[in-house]
Amino acid sequence: MSPEQLKKLHSLSQLFRDGQAGSEQVKELSELLASINHHFDPDNDLASEERLTIRNRVN
């Protein structure tokens, strides 16, 4: 997640927390999460690497 995405997510989260989010913010959040998920690379995910390490130790 880029610093810009994190900043936007924090901003949107605050609006939702305060009950101030409207349909435009829902759309923005949906687009932001889709963008984040689209760029997520499970091969570079630390948790995936840890699972592989654990599997290799067991086998």
N, C-alpha and C. Protein backbone atom coordinates (compact mmCIF):
# COMPACT_ATOMS: atom_id res chain seq x y z
N MET A 1 0.86 -1.17 0.00
CA MET A 1 0.00 0.00 0.00
C MET A 1 0.90 1.23 0.00
N SER A 2 0.61 2.14 -0.88
CA SER A 2 1.41 3.35 -0.98
C SER A 2 1.06 4.32 0.16
N PRO A 3 1.94 5.26 0.44
CA PRO A 3 1.64 6.26 1.48
C PRO A 3 0.38 7.07 1.15
N GLU A 4 0.17 7.33 -0.13
CA GLU A 4 -1.03 8.09 -0.53
C GLU A 4 -2.29 7.28 -0.26
N GLN A 5 -2.23 5.98 -0.57
CA GLN A 5 -3.39 5.12 -0.32
C GLN A 5 -3.67 5.01 1.18
N LEU A 6 -2.61 4.90 1.96
CA LEU A 6 -2.78 4.81 3.41
C LEU A 6 -3.40 6.08 3.96
N LYS A 7 -2.96 7.22 3.47
CA LYS A 7 -3.51 8.51 3.92
C LYS A 7 -5.00 8.61 3.55
N LYS A 8 -5.34 8.20 2.32
CA LYS A 8 -6.74 8.25 1.89
C LYS A 8 -7.59 7.28 2.71
N LEU A 9 -7.06 6.09 2.98
CA LEU A 9 -7.79 5.12 3.78
C LEU A 9 -8.05 5.66 5.19
N HIS A 10 -7.05 6.29 5.77
CA HIS A 10 -7.21 6.87 7.10
C HIS A 10 -8.28 7.96 7.09
N SER A 11 -8.24 8.80 6.07
CA SER A 11 -9.21 9.88 5.94
C SER A 11 -10.64 9.33 5.80
N LEU A 12 -10.79 8.34 4.94
CA LEU A 12 -12.11 7.74 4.76
C LEU A 12 -12.57 7.03 6.03
N SER A 13 -11.66 6.35 6.68
CA SER A 13 -12.01 5.64 7.92
C SER A 13 -12.56 6.61 8.96
N GLN A 14 -11.94 7.77 9.05
CA GLN A 14 -12.39 8.77 10.02
C GLN A 14 -13.81 9.24 9.69
N LEU A 15 -14.08 9.45 8.41
CA LEU A 15 -15.43 9.86 8.01
C LEU A 15 -16.46 8.80 8.36
N PHE A 16 -16.13 7.54 8.13
CA PHE A 16 -17.06 6.46 8.48
C PHE A 16 -17.24 6.38 9.99
N ARG A 17 -16.15 6.51 10.72
CA ARG A 17 -16.21 6.45 12.18
C ARG A 17 -17.10 7.55 12.75
N ASP A 18 -17.01 8.73 12.13
CA ASP A 18 -17.78 9.88 12.60
C ASP A 18 -19.21 9.90 12.07
N GLY A 19 -19.55 8.93 11.23
CA GLY A 19 -20.89 8.88 10.66
C GLY A 19 -21.11 9.93 9.59
N GLN A 20 -20.05 10.44 9.01
CA GLN A 20 -20.15 11.51 8.02
C GLN A 20 -20.00 11.02 6.58
N ALA A 21 -19.79 9.73 6.40
CA ALA A 21 -19.57 9.20 5.05
C ALA A 21 -20.89 9.09 4.30
N GLY A 22 -20.83 9.50 3.06
CA GLY A 22 -21.98 9.38 2.19
C GLY A 22 -21.70 8.42 1.05
N SER A 23 -22.55 8.44 0.06
CA SER A 23 -22.41 7.51 -1.06
C SER A 23 -21.11 7.74 -1.83
N GLU A 24 -20.66 8.98 -1.92
CA GLU A 24 -19.40 9.25 -2.63
C GLU A 24 -18.22 8.63 -1.89
N GLN A 25 -18.24 8.68 -0.56
CA GLN A 25 -17.15 8.08 0.21
C GLN A 25 -17.18 6.55 0.13
N VAL A 26 -18.37 5.98 0.06
CA VAL A 26 -18.49 4.53 -0.11
C VAL A 26 -17.87 4.14 -1.44
N LYS A 27 -18.16 4.92 -2.49
CA LYS A 27 -17.58 4.66 -3.80
C LYS A 27 -16.06 4.81 -3.76
N GLU A 28 -15.57 5.86 -3.11
CA GLU A 28 -14.12 6.07 -3.01
C GLU A 28 -13.45 4.91 -2.27
N LEU A 29 -14.06 4.47 -1.18
CA LEU A 29 -13.50 3.37 -0.41
C LEU A 29 -13.47 2.09 -1.24
N SER A 30 -14.53 1.83 -1.95
CA SER A 30 -14.60 0.65 -2.80
C SER A 30 -13.50 0.68 -3.86
N GLU A 31 -13.32 1.81 -4.50
CA GLU A 31 -12.30 1.95 -5.54
C GLU A 31 -10.90 1.82 -4.94
N LEU A 32 -10.70 2.41 -3.77
CA LEU A 32 -9.40 2.34 -3.10
C LEU A 32 -9.06 0.90 -2.73
N LEU A 33 -10.01 0.19 -2.15
CA LEU A 33 -9.77 -1.20 -1.76
C LEU A 33 -9.54 -2.09 -2.98
N ALA A 34 -10.26 -1.83 -4.06
CA ALA A 34 -10.06 -2.59 -5.29
C ALA A 34 -8.65 -2.35 -5.82
N SER A 35 -8.21 -1.12 -5.76
CA SER A 35 -6.86 -0.77 -6.22
C SER A 35 -5.80 -1.45 -5.37
N ILE A 36 -6.00 -1.42 -4.07
CA ILE A 36 -5.04 -2.05 -3.15
C ILE A 36 -5.01 -3.55 -3.39
N ASN A 37 -6.17 -4.18 -3.51
CA ASN A 37 -6.24 -5.63 -3.74
C ASN A 37 -5.66 -6.01 -5.09
N HIS A 38 -5.85 -5.16 -6.08
CA HIS A 38 -5.35 -5.44 -7.42
C HIS A 38 -3.82 -5.45 -7.43
N HIS A 39 -3.21 -4.58 -6.64
CA HIS A 39 -1.75 -4.47 -6.62
C HIS A 39 -1.10 -5.39 -5.59
N PHE A 40 -1.89 -6.09 -4.81
CA PHE A 40 -1.35 -7.00 -3.80
C PHE A 40 -0.75 -8.20 -4.49
N ASP A 41 0.48 -8.51 -4.15
CA ASP A 41 1.19 -9.64 -4.73
C ASP A 41 1.39 -10.70 -3.66
N PRO A 42 0.59 -11.76 -3.67
CA PRO A 42 0.72 -12.78 -2.61
C PRO A 42 2.09 -13.43 -2.56
N ASP A 43 2.83 -13.39 -3.67
CA ASP A 43 4.18 -13.97 -3.66
C ASP A 43 5.14 -13.15 -2.82
N ASN A 44 4.80 -11.88 -2.59
CA ASN A 44 5.65 -11.02 -1.77
C ASN A 44 5.07 -10.82 -0.37
N ASP A 45 4.01 -11.52 -0.07
CA ASP A 45 3.35 -11.41 1.23
C ASP A 45 4.18 -12.12 2.29
N LEU A 46 4.53 -11.42 3.35
CA LEU A 46 5.34 -11.99 4.41
C LEU A 46 4.66 -13.22 5.02
N ALA A 47 3.38 -13.15 5.21
CA ALA A 47 2.67 -14.29 5.81
C ALA A 47 2.79 -15.52 4.91
N SER A 48 2.72 -15.33 3.61
CA SER A 48 2.89 -16.46 2.70
C SER A 48 4.28 -17.05 2.79
N GLU A 49 5.28 -16.16 2.90
CA GLU A 49 6.65 -16.63 3.04
C GLU A 49 6.84 -17.40 4.34
N GLU A 50 6.22 -16.93 5.40
CA GLU A 50 6.32 -17.62 6.68
C GLU A 50 5.67 -18.98 6.62
N ARG A 51 4.53 -19.10 5.94
CA ARG A 51 3.85 -20.39 5.80
C ARG A 51 4.73 -21.37 5.04
N LEU A 52 5.38 -20.88 3.98
CA LEU A 52 6.26 -21.75 3.20
C LEU A 52 7.44 -22.21 4.05
N THR A 53 7.98 -21.32 4.85
CA THR A 53 9.10 -21.68 5.72
C THR A 53 8.68 -22.74 6.71
N ILE A 54 7.52 -22.58 7.29
CA ILE A 54 7.02 -23.56 8.26
C ILE A 54 6.79 -24.90 7.57
N ARG A 55 6.20 -24.89 6.38
CA ARG A 55 5.97 -26.14 5.65
C ARG A 55 7.28 -26.84 5.35
N ASN A 56 8.29 -26.08 4.94
CA ASN A 56 9.59 -26.67 4.63
C ASN A 56 10.23 -27.28 5.87
N ARG A 57 10.03 -26.67 7.02
CA ARG A 57 10.61 -27.22 8.26
C ARG A 57 9.92 -28.51 8.65
N VAL A 58 8.62 -28.59 8.42
CA VAL A 58 7.85 -29.77 8.79
C VAL A 58 8.20 -30.93 7.86
N ASN A 59 8.36 -30.64 6.60
CA ASN A 59 8.67 -31.70 5.61
C ASN A 59 10.12 -31.95 5.69
